[in-house]
Amino acid sequence: MGVTLGSSNQVGLAVGTGSFGTIRVELVNPGTSLYVGEPVYTSGLQGGIYPPNIPVGSVAKYSSDPGSLQEQVSLTPMVDLAHLQFVKVLDWLPSGAG
């Protein structure tokens, strides 16, 4: 899902199931200002399946290898996905769709 990193408004792509306690965030530009505990929200970008500003989790760790094209970012999910019992279904139509 598309996500926005709180303080920098940098957009990334959250990938994974959270089954190991963290979720990878890909496509974050190198040199992006990040901090551990920073909130992460759905981006709501055009064509996205989630509306903007739904809390997803917080930055657990990040690093950048020299010459890398993206930051290595992982986040801790807002909920314990292994013990999730109820979900709320959103019926949302992105602006400009349909």
PDB file of N, CA and C in Angstrom:
ATOM      1  N   MET A   1       0.839  -1.181   0.000  1.00  0.00           N
ATOM      2  CA  MET A   1       0.000   0.000   0.000  1.00  0.00           C
ATOM      3  C   MET A   1       0.877   1.235   0.000  1.00  0.00           C
ATOM      4  N   GLY A   2       0.390   2.303  -0.591  1.00  0.00           N
ATOM      5  CA  GLY A   2       1.106   3.564  -0.579  1.00  0.00           C
ATOM      6  C   GLY A   2       1.046   4.197   0.797  1.00  0.00           C
ATOM      7  N   VAL A   3       2.183   4.674   1.279  1.00  0.00           N
ATOM      8  CA  VAL A   3       2.241   5.296   2.605  1.00  0.00           C
ATOM      9  C   VAL A   3       2.981   6.626   2.536  1.00  0.00           C
ATOM     10  N   THR A   4       2.744   7.456   3.538  1.00  0.00           N
ATOM     11  CA  THR A   4       3.448   8.716   3.715  1.00  0.00           C
ATOM     12  C   THR A   4       4.137   8.668   5.071  1.00  0.00           C
ATOM     13  N   LEU A   5       5.423   9.024   5.077  1.00  0.00           N
ATOM     14  CA  LEU A   5       6.190   9.088   6.321  1.00  0.00           C
ATOM     15  C   LEU A   5       5.951  10.455   6.940  1.00  0.00           C
ATOM     16  N   GLY A   6       5.458  10.464   8.171  1.00  0.00           N
ATOM     17  CA  GLY A   6       4.982  11.651   8.871  1.00  0.00           C
ATOM     18  C   GLY A   6       5.680  12.973   8.676  1.00  0.00           C
ATOM     19  N   SER A   7       6.886  13.148   9.198  1.00  0.00           N
ATOM     20  CA  SER A   7       7.498  14.472   9.223  1.00  0.00           C
ATOM     21  C   SER A   7       8.014  14.933   7.875  1.00  0.00           C
ATOM     22  N   SER A   8       8.427  14.019   7.022  1.00  0.00           N
ATOM     23  CA  SER A   8       9.022  14.397   5.738  1.00  0.00           C
ATOM     24  C   SER A   8       7.999  14.444   4.612  1.00  0.00           C
ATOM     25  N   ASN A   9       6.827  13.878   4.835  1.00  0.00           N
ATOM     26  CA  ASN A   9       5.813  13.714   3.781  1.00  0.00           C
ATOM     27  C   ASN A   9       6.340  12.928   2.597  1.00  0.00           C
ATOM     28  N   GLN A  10       7.410  12.162   2.803  1.00  0.00           N
ATOM     29  CA  GLN A  10       7.969  11.292   1.764  1.00  0.00           C
ATOM     30  C   GLN A  10       6.999  10.131   1.536  1.00  0.00           C
ATOM     31  N   VAL A  11       6.755   9.807   0.292  1.00  0.00           N
ATOM     32  CA  VAL A  11       5.857   8.718  -0.062  1.00  0.00           C
ATOM     33  C   VAL A  11       6.680   7.465  -0.297  1.00  0.00           C
ATOM     34  N   GLY A  12       6.165   6.314   0.136  1.00  0.00           N
ATOM     35  CA  GLY A  12       6.808   5.035  -0.087  1.00  0.00           C
ATOM     36  C   GLY A  12       5.766   3.963  -0.317  1.00  0.00           C
ATOM     37  N   LEU A  13       6.233   2.742  -0.430  1.00  0.00           N
ATOM     38  CA  LEU A  13       5.357   1.606  -0.675  1.00  0.00           C
ATOM     39  C   LEU A  13       5.576   0.579   0.426  1.00  0.00           C
ATOM     40  N   ALA A  14       4.565   0.354   1.267  1.00  0.00           N
ATOM     41  CA  ALA A  14       4.647  -0.637   2.339  1.00  0.00           C
ATOM     42  C   ALA A  14       4.392  -2.014   1.739  1.00  0.00           C
ATOM     43  N   VAL A  15       5.323  -2.944   2.016  1.00  0.00           N
ATOM     44  CA  VAL A  15       5.271  -4.276   1.420  1.00  0.00           C
ATOM     45  C   VAL A  15       5.445  -5.322   2.506  1.00  0.00           C
ATOM     46  N   GLY A  16       4.618  -6.348   2.504  1.00  0.00           N
ATOM     47  CA  GLY A  16       4.757  -7.451   3.456  1.00  0.00           C
ATOM     48  C   GLY A  16       3.474  -7.687   4.211  1.00  0.00           C
ATOM     49  N   THR A  17       3.528  -8.672   5.098  1.00  0.00           N
ATOM     50  CA  THR A  17       2.335  -9.062   5.844  1.00  0.00           C
ATOM     51  C   THR A  17       2.412  -8.703   7.317  1.00  0.00           C
ATOM     52  N   GLY A  18       3.579  -8.290   7.780  1.00  0.00           N
ATOM     53  CA  GLY A  18       3.741  -7.988   9.194  1.00  0.00           C
ATOM     54  C   GLY A  18       3.890  -9.232  10.035  1.00  0.00           C
ATOM     55  N   SER A  19       3.995 -10.408   9.399  1.00  0.00           N
ATOM     56  CA  SER A  19       4.059 -11.662  10.139  1.00  0.00           C
ATOM     57  C   SER A  19       5.349 -11.795  10.954  1.00  0.00           C
ATOM     58  N   PHE A  20       6.375 -11.015  10.644  1.00  0.00           N
ATOM     59  CA  PHE A  20       7.621 -11.049  11.410  1.00  0.00           C
ATOM     60  C   PHE A  20       7.759  -9.816  12.291  1.00  0.00           C
ATOM     61  N   GLY A  21       6.669  -9.099  12.504  1.00  0.00           N
ATOM     62  CA  GLY A  21       6.676  -7.952  13.399  1.00  0.00           C
ATOM     63  C   GLY A  21       6.989  -6.626  12.738  1.00  0.00           C
ATOM     64  N   THR A  22       7.513  -6.639  11.514  1.00  0.00           N
ATOM     65  CA  THR A  22       7.777  -5.395  10.799  1.00  0.00           C
ATOM     66  C   THR A  22       7.333  -5.510   9.345  1.00  0.00           C
ATOM     67  N   ILE A  23       7.189  -4.361   8.722  1.00  0.00           N
ATOM     68  CA  ILE A  23       6.816  -4.280   7.317  1.00  0.00           C
ATOM     69  C   ILE A  23       7.860  -3.412   6.622  1.00  0.00           C
ATOM     70  N   ARG A  24       8.315  -3.829   5.441  1.00  0.00           N
ATOM     71  CA  ARG A  24       9.273  -3.040   4.667  1.00  0.00           C
ATOM     72  C   ARG A  24       8.571  -1.866   4.005  1.00  0.00           C
ATOM     73  N   VAL A  25       9.282  -0.751   3.915  1.00  0.00           N
ATOM     74  CA  VAL A  25       8.795   0.387   3.135  1.00  0.00           C
ATOM     75  C   VAL A  25       9.819   0.626   2.038  1.00  0.00           C
ATOM     76  N   GLU A  26       9.392   0.492   0.809  1.00  0.00           N
ATOM     77  CA  GLU A  26      10.284   0.621  -0.341  1.00  0.00           C
ATOM     78  C   GLU A  26      10.060   1.959  -1.031  1.00  0.00           C
ATOM     79  N   LEU A  27      10.982   2.292  -1.917  1.00  0.00           N
ATOM     80  CA  LEU A  27      10.914   3.472  -2.772  1.00  0.00           C
ATOM     81  C   LEU A  27      11.020   4.789  -2.005  1.00  0.00           C
ATOM     82  N   VAL A  28      11.679   4.766  -0.840  1.00  0.00           N
ATOM     83  CA  VAL A  28      11.917   5.988  -0.078  1.00  0.00           C
ATOM     84  C   VAL A  28      13.245   6.573  -0.560  1.00  0.00           C
ATOM     85  N   ASN A  29      13.222   7.821  -0.990  1.00  0.00           N
ATOM     86  CA  ASN A  29      14.412   8.469  -1.536  1.00  0.00           C
ATOM     87  C   ASN A  29      15.576   8.459  -0.555  1.00  0.00           C
ATOM     88  N   PRO A  30      16.786   8.201  -1.051  1.00  0.00           N
ATOM     89  CA  PRO A  30      17.959   8.258  -0.172  1.00  0.00           C
ATOM     90  C   PRO A  30      18.129   9.663   0.386  1.00  0.00           C
ATOM     91  N   GLY A  31      18.566   9.737   1.644  1.00  0.00           N
ATOM     92  CA  GLY A  31      18.765  11.031   2.291  1.00  0.00           C
ATOM     93  C   GLY A  31      17.514  11.612   2.912  1.00  0.00           C
ATOM     94  N   THR A  32      16.389  10.884   2.837  1.00  0.00           N
ATOM     95  CA  THR A  32      15.153  11.359   3.459  1.00  0.00           C
ATOM     96  C   THR A  32      15.358  11.455   4.963  1.00  0.00           C
ATOM     97  N   SER A  33      14.921  12.548   5.552  1.00  0.00           N
ATOM     98  CA  SER A  33      15.032  12.744   6.990  1.00  0.00           C
ATOM     99  C   SER A  33      14.002  11.856   7.698  1.00  0.00           C
ATOM    100  N   LEU A  34      14.495  10.901   8.482  1.00  0.00           N
ATOM    101  CA  LEU A  34      13.626   9.951   9.188  1.00  0.00           C
ATOM    102  C   LEU A  34      14.029   9.877  10.654  1.00  0.00           C
ATOM    103  N   TYR A  35      13.138   9.399  11.501  1.00  0.00           N
ATOM    104  CA  TYR A  35      13.488   9.090  12.876  1.00  0.00           C
ATOM    105  C   TYR A  35      12.668   7.899  13.358  1.00  0.00           C
ATOM    106  N   VAL A  36      13.246   7.139  14.273  1.00  0.00           N
ATOM    107  CA  VAL A  36      12.558   5.978  14.845  1.00  0.00           C
ATOM    108  C   VAL A  36      11.342   6.470  15.617  1.00  0.00           C
ATOM    109  N   GLY A  37      10.216   5.828  15.398  1.00  0.00           N
ATOM    110  CA  GLY A  37       8.966   6.206  16.044  1.00  0.00           C
ATOM    111  C   GLY A  37       8.111   7.145  15.208  1.00  0.00           C
ATOM    112  N   GLU A  38       8.657   7.607  14.093  1.00  0.00           N
ATOM    113  CA  GLU A  38       7.914   8.501  13.205  1.00  0.00           C
ATOM    114  C   GLU A  38       6.650   7.806  12.713  1.00  0.00           C
ATOM    115  N   PRO A  39       5.500   8.474  12.754  1.00  0.00           N
ATOM    116  CA  PRO A  39       4.262   7.841  12.294  1.00  0.00           C
ATOM    117  C   PRO A  39       4.235   7.666  10.778  1.00  0.00           C
ATOM    118  N   VAL A  40       3.541   6.622  10.343  1.00  0.00           N
ATOM    119  CA  VAL A  40       3.374   6.310   8.928  1.00  0.00           C
ATOM    120  C   VAL A  40       1.874   6.161   8.668  1.00  0.00           C
ATOM    121  N   TYR A  41       1.404   6.811   7.598  1.00  0.00           N
ATOM    122  CA  TYR A  41      -0.012   6.833   7.269  1.00  0.00           C
ATOM    123  C   TYR A  41      -0.228   6.375   5.828  1.00  0.00           C
ATOM    124  N   THR A  42      -1.467   5.975   5.502  1.00  0.00           N
ATOM    125  CA  THR A  42      -1.772   5.699   4.108  1.00  0.00           C
ATOM    126  C   THR A  42      -1.639   7.002   3.321  1.00  0.00           C
ATOM    127  N   SER A  43      -1.195   6.896   2.075  1.00  0.00           N
ATOM    128  CA  SER A  43      -0.938   8.101   1.280  1.00  0.00           C
ATOM    129  C   SER A  43      -2.180   8.633   0.576  1.00  0.00           C
ATOM    130  N   GLY A  44      -3.072   7.743   0.168  1.00  0.00           N
ATOM    131  CA  GLY A  44      -4.261   8.178  -0.554  1.00  0.00           C
ATOM    132  C   GLY A  44      -3.959   8.724  -1.936  1.00  0.00           C
ATOM    133  N   LEU A  45      -2.789   8.372  -2.496  1.00  0.00           N
ATOM    134  CA  LEU A  45      -2.435   8.872  -3.814  1.00  0.00           C
ATOM    135  C   LEU A  45      -3.410   8.379  -4.862  1.00  0.00           C
ATOM    136  N   GLN A  46      -3.484   9.103  -5.957  1.00  0.00           N
ATOM    137  CA  GLN A  46      -4.416   8.776  -7.028  1.00  0.00           C
ATOM    138  C   GLN A  46      -4.294   7.309  -7.416  1.00  0.00           C
ATOM    139  N   GLY A  47      -5.415   6.632  -7.476  1.00  0.00           N
ATOM    140  CA  GLY A  47      -5.444   5.226  -7.844  1.00  0.00           C
ATOM    141  C   GLY A  47      -5.203   4.296  -6.666  1.00  0.00           C
ATOM    142  N   GLY A  48      -4.930   4.852  -5.474  1.00  0.00           N
ATOM    143  CA  GLY A  48      -4.703   4.028  -4.292  1.00  0.00           C
ATOM    144  C   GLY A  48      -6.002   3.405  -3.813  1.00  0.00           C
ATOM    145  N   ILE A  49      -5.882   2.287  -3.108  1.00  0.00           N
ATOM    146  CA  ILE A  49      -7.098   1.618  -2.644  1.00  0.00           C
ATOM    147  C   ILE A  49      -7.515   2.058  -1.246  1.00  0.00           C
ATOM    148  N   TYR A  50      -6.691   2.880  -0.575  1.00  0.00           N
ATOM    149  CA  TYR A  50      -7.015   3.369   0.761  1.00  0.00           C
ATOM    150  C   TYR A  50      -7.061   4.891   0.759  1.00  0.00           C
ATOM    151  N   PRO A  51      -7.982   5.479   1.516  1.00  0.00           N
ATOM    152  CA  PRO A  51      -7.996   6.941   1.631  1.00  0.00           C
ATOM    153  C   PRO A  51      -6.769   7.412   2.417  1.00  0.00           C
ATOM    154  N   PRO A  52      -6.451   8.694   2.354  1.00  0.00           N
ATOM    155  CA  PRO A  52      -5.264   9.199   3.047  1.00  0.00           C
ATOM    156  C   PRO A  52      -5.431   9.251   4.561  1.00  0.00           C
ATOM    157  N   ASN A  53      -4.285   9.246   5.244  1.00  0.00           N
ATOM    158  CA  ASN A  53      -4.174   9.530   6.683  1.00  0.00           C
ATOM    159  C   ASN A  53      -4.714   8.461   7.628  1.00  0.00           C
ATOM    160  N   ILE A  54      -4.796   7.219   7.164  1.00  0.00           N
ATOM    161  CA  ILE A  54      -5.118   6.122   8.081  1.00  0.00           C
ATOM    162  C   ILE A  54      -3.792   5.682   8.705  1.00  0.00           C
ATOM    163  N   PRO A  55      -3.668   5.674  10.031  1.00  0.00           N
ATOM    164  CA  PRO A  55      -2.411   5.243  10.657  1.00  0.00           C
ATOM    165  C   PRO A  55      -2.084   3.799  10.299  1.00  0.00           C
ATOM    166  N   VAL A  56      -0.844   3.574   9.866  1.00  0.00           N
ATOM    167  CA  VAL A  56      -0.388   2.242   9.487  1.00  0.00           C
ATOM    168  C   VAL A  56       0.574   1.695  10.535  1.00  0.00           C
ATOM    169  N   GLY A  57       1.463   2.538  11.036  1.00  0.00           N
ATOM    170  CA  GLY A  57       2.454   2.106  12.013  1.00  0.00           C
ATOM    171  C   GLY A  57       3.446   3.215  12.278  1.00  0.00           C
ATOM    172  N   SER A  58       4.645   2.808  12.710  1.00  0.00           N
ATOM    173  CA  SER A  58       5.711   3.778  12.974  1.00  0.00           C
ATOM    174  C   SER A  58       7.045   3.204  12.509  1.00  0.00           C
ATOM    175  N   VAL A  59       7.977   4.085  12.162  1.00  0.00           N
ATOM    176  CA  VAL A  59       9.285   3.667  11.688  1.00  0.00           C
ATOM    177  C   VAL A  59      10.000   2.909  12.803  1.00  0.00           C
ATOM    178  N   ALA A  60      10.419   1.680  12.517  1.00  0.00           N
ATOM    179  CA  ALA A  60      11.138   0.851  13.489  1.00  0.00           C
ATOM    180  C   ALA A  60      12.642   1.022  13.331  1.00  0.00           C
ATOM    181  N   LYS A  61      13.107   1.074  12.084  1.00  0.00           N
ATOM    182  CA  LYS A  61      14.524   1.292  11.806  1.00  0.00           C
ATOM    183  C   LYS A  61      14.686   1.725  10.362  1.00  0.00           C
ATOM    184  N   TYR A  62      15.842   2.329  10.097  1.00  0.00           N
ATOM    185  CA  TYR A  62      16.135   2.778   8.744  1.00  0.00           C
ATOM    186  C   TYR A  62      17.645   2.866   8.570  1.00  0.00           C
ATOM    187  N   SER A  63      18.083   2.742   7.344  1.00  0.00           N
ATOM    188  CA  SER A  63      19.502   2.873   7.024  1.00  0.00           C
ATOM    189  C   SER A  63      19.635   3.126   5.528  1.00  0.00           C
ATOM    190  N   SER A  64      20.815   3.575   5.146  1.00  0.00           N
ATOM    191  CA  SER A  64      21.080   3.847   3.747  1.00  0.00           C
ATOM    192  C   SER A  64      22.477   3.359   3.420  1.00  0.00           C
ATOM    193  N   ASP A  65      22.585   2.521   2.413  1.00  0.00           N
ATOM    194  CA  ASP A  65      23.886   2.053   1.952  1.00  0.00           C
ATOM    195  C   ASP A  65      24.434   3.061   0.937  1.00  0.00           C
ATOM    196  N   PRO A  66      25.751   3.310   0.956  1.00  0.00           N
ATOM    197  CA  PRO A  66      26.333   4.229  -0.025  1.00  0.00           C
ATOM    198  C   PRO A  66      25.998   3.794  -1.446  1.00  0.00           C
ATOM    199  N   GLY A  67      25.522   4.730  -2.244  1.00  0.00           N
ATOM    200  CA  GLY A  67      25.176   4.437  -3.629  1.00  0.00           C
ATOM    201  C   GLY A  67      23.813   3.803  -3.823  1.00  0.00           C
ATOM    202  N   SER A  68      23.100   3.552  -2.729  1.00  0.00           N
ATOM    203  CA  SER A  68      21.784   2.921  -2.827  1.00  0.00           C
ATOM    204  C   SER A  68      20.778   3.887  -3.446  1.00  0.00           C
ATOM    205  N   LEU A  69      19.806   3.342  -4.142  1.00  0.00           N
ATOM    206  CA  LEU A  69      18.774   4.153  -4.771  1.00  0.00           C
ATOM    207  C   LEU A  69      17.589   4.421  -3.857  1.00  0.00           C
ATOM    208  N   GLN A  70      17.588   3.786  -2.670  1.00  0.00           N
ATOM    209  CA  GLN A  70      16.502   4.004  -1.720  1.00  0.00           C
ATOM    210  C   GLN A  70      16.969   3.732  -0.303  1.00  0.00           C
ATOM    211  N   GLU A  71      16.264   4.320   0.653  1.00  0.00           N
ATOM    212  CA  GLU A  71      16.510   4.043   2.065  1.00  0.00           C
ATOM    213  C   GLU A  71      15.982   2.640   2.391  1.00  0.00           C
ATOM    214  N   GLN A  72      16.628   1.976   3.330  1.00  0.00           N
ATOM    215  CA  GLN A  72      16.125   0.706   3.858  1.00  0.00           C
ATOM    216  C   GLN A  72      15.275   1.066   5.077  1.00  0.00           C
ATOM    217  N   VAL A  73      13.964   0.941   4.982  1.00  0.00           N
ATOM    218  CA  VAL A  73      13.055   1.370   6.044  1.00  0.00           C
ATOM    219  C   VAL A  73      12.159   0.204   6.427  1.00  0.00           C
ATOM    220  N   SER A  74      11.972   0.007   7.731  1.00  0.00           N
ATOM    221  CA  SER A  74      10.976  -0.959   8.198  1.00  0.00           C
ATOM    222  C   SER A  74      10.104  -0.274   9.236  1.00  0.00           C
ATOM    223  N   LEU A  75       8.867  -0.700   9.304  1.00  0.00           N
ATOM    224  CA  LEU A  75       7.956  -0.098  10.274  1.00  0.00           C
ATOM    225  C   LEU A  75       7.300  -1.165  11.124  1.00  0.00           C
ATOM    226  N   THR A  76       6.924  -0.756  12.300  1.00  0.00           N
ATOM    227  CA  THR A  76       6.157  -1.602  13.212  1.00  0.00           C
ATOM    228  C   THR A  76       4.687  -1.306  12.954  1.00  0.00           C
ATOM    229  N   PRO A  77       3.884  -2.330  12.633  1.00  0.00           N
ATOM    230  CA  PRO A  77       2.463  -2.083  12.355  1.00  0.00           C
ATOM    231  C   PRO A  77       1.744  -1.497  13.559  1.00  0.00           C
ATOM    232  N   MET A  78       0.714  -0.727  13.294  1.00  0.00           N
ATOM    233  CA  MET A  78      -0.110  -0.108  14.335  1.00  0.00           C
ATOM    234  C   MET A  78      -0.818  -1.173  15.174  1.00  0.00           C
ATOM    235  N   VAL A  79      -1.143  -2.304  14.549  1.00  0.00           N
ATOM    236  CA  VAL A  79      -1.844  -3.390  15.241  1.00  0.00           C
ATOM    237  C   VAL A  79      -1.019  -4.669  15.153  1.00  0.00           C
ATOM    238  N   ASP A  80      -1.267  -5.584  16.048  1.00  0.00           N
ATOM    239  CA  ASP A  80      -0.628  -6.897  16.015  1.00  0.00           C
ATOM    240  C   ASP A  80      -1.406  -7.751  15.012  1.00  0.00           C
ATOM    241  N   LEU A  81      -0.899  -7.823  13.785  1.00  0.00           N
ATOM    242  CA  LEU A  81      -1.626  -8.489  12.705  1.00  0.00           C
ATOM    243  C   LEU A  81      -1.832  -9.977  12.949  1.00  0.00           C
ATOM    244  N   ALA A  82      -0.990 -10.600  13.773  1.00  0.00           N
ATOM    245  CA  ALA A  82      -1.128 -12.028  14.051  1.00  0.00           C
ATOM    246  C   ALA A  82      -2.330 -12.316  14.945  1.00  0.00           C
ATOM    247  N   HIS A  83      -2.799 -11.312  15.669  1.00  0.00           N
ATOM    248  CA  HIS A  83      -3.910 -11.517  16.598  1.00  0.00           C
ATOM    249  C   HIS A  83      -5.125 -10.654  16.260  1.00  0.00           C
ATOM    250  N   LEU A  84      -5.221 -10.222  15.029  1.00  0.00           N
ATOM    251  CA  LEU A  84      -6.328  -9.391  14.589  1.00  0.00           C
ATOM    252  C   LEU A  84      -7.607 -10.222  14.537  1.00  0.00           C
ATOM    253  N   GLN A  85      -8.673  -9.738  15.175  1.00  0.00           N
ATOM    254  CA  GLN A  85      -9.928 -10.477  15.188  1.00  0.00           C
ATOM    255  C   GLN A  85     -11.020  -9.807  14.374  1.00  0.00           C
ATOM    256  N   PHE A  86     -10.982  -8.488  14.284  1.00  0.00           N
ATOM    257  CA  PHE A  86     -12.017  -7.759  13.568  1.00  0.00           C
ATOM    258  C   PHE A  86     -11.365  -6.748  12.632  1.00  0.00           C
ATOM    259  N   VAL A  87     -11.989  -6.524  11.505  1.00  0.00           N
ATOM    260  CA  VAL A  87     -11.545  -5.489  10.576  1.00  0.00           C
ATOM    261  C   VAL A  87     -12.749  -4.656  10.158  1.00  0.00           C
ATOM    262  N   LYS A  88     -12.484  -3.426   9.781  1.00  0.00           N
ATOM    263  CA  LYS A  88     -13.537  -2.561   9.273  1.00  0.00           C
ATOM    264  C   LYS A  88     -13.306  -2.400   7.780  1.00  0.00           C
ATOM    265  N   VAL A  89     -14.334  -2.628   6.992  1.00  0.00           N
ATOM    266  CA  VAL A  89     -14.227  -2.534   5.545  1.00  0.00           C
ATOM    267  C   VAL A  89     -14.578  -1.116   5.120  1.00  0.00           C
ATOM    268  N   LEU A  90     -13.690  -0.499   4.325  1.00  0.00           N
ATOM    269  CA  LEU A  90     -13.931   0.843   3.820  1.00  0.00           C
ATOM    270  C   LEU A  90     -14.468   0.753   2.407  1.00  0.00           C
ATOM    271  N   ASP A  91     -15.507   1.484   2.140  1.00  0.00           N
ATOM    272  CA  ASP A  91     -16.047   1.587   0.794  1.00  0.00           C
ATOM    273  C   ASP A  91     -15.723   2.994   0.325  1.00  0.00           C
ATOM    274  N   TRP A  92     -14.566   3.115  -0.368  1.00  0.00           N
ATOM    275  CA  TRP A  92     -14.036   4.420  -0.733  1.00  0.00           C
ATOM    276  C   TRP A  92     -13.762   4.462  -2.211  1.00  0.00           C
ATOM    277  N   LEU A  93     -14.180   5.524  -2.845  1.00  0.00           N
ATOM    278  CA  LEU A  93     -13.926   5.741  -4.260  1.00  0.00           C
ATOM    279  C   LEU A  93     -13.002   6.934  -4.373  1.00  0.00           C
ATOM    280  N   PRO A  94     -11.726   6.727  -4.822  1.00  0.00           N
ATOM    281  CA  PRO A  94     -10.792   7.841  -4.930  1.00  0.00           C
ATOM    282  C   PRO A  94     -11.361   8.949  -5.812  1.00  0.00           C
ATOM    283  N   SER A  95     -11.016  10.202  -5.485  1.00  0.00           N
ATOM    284  CA  SER A  95     -11.491  11.319  -6.282  1.00  0.00           C
ATOM    285  C   SER A  95     -11.012  11.176  -7.722  1.00  0.00           C
ATOM    286  N   GLY A  96     -11.871  11.455  -8.644  1.00  0.00           N
ATOM    287  CA  GLY A  96     -11.545  11.352 -10.056  1.00  0.00           C
ATOM    288  C   GLY A  96     -11.812   9.968 -10.645  1.00  0.00           C
ATOM    289  N   ALA A  97     -12.130   8.985  -9.781  1.00  0.00           N
ATOM    290  CA  ALA A  97     -12.418   7.629 -10.286  1.00  0.00           C
ATOM    291  C   ALA A  97     -13.924   7.496 -10.499  1.00  0.00           C
ATOM    292  N   GLY A  98     -14.261   6.711 -11.463  1.00  0.00           N
ATOM    293  CA  GLY A  98     -15.663   6.375 -11.695  1.00  0.00           C
ATOM    294  C   GLY A  98     -16.391   7.516 -12.254  1.00  0.00           C
TER     295      GLY A  98
END
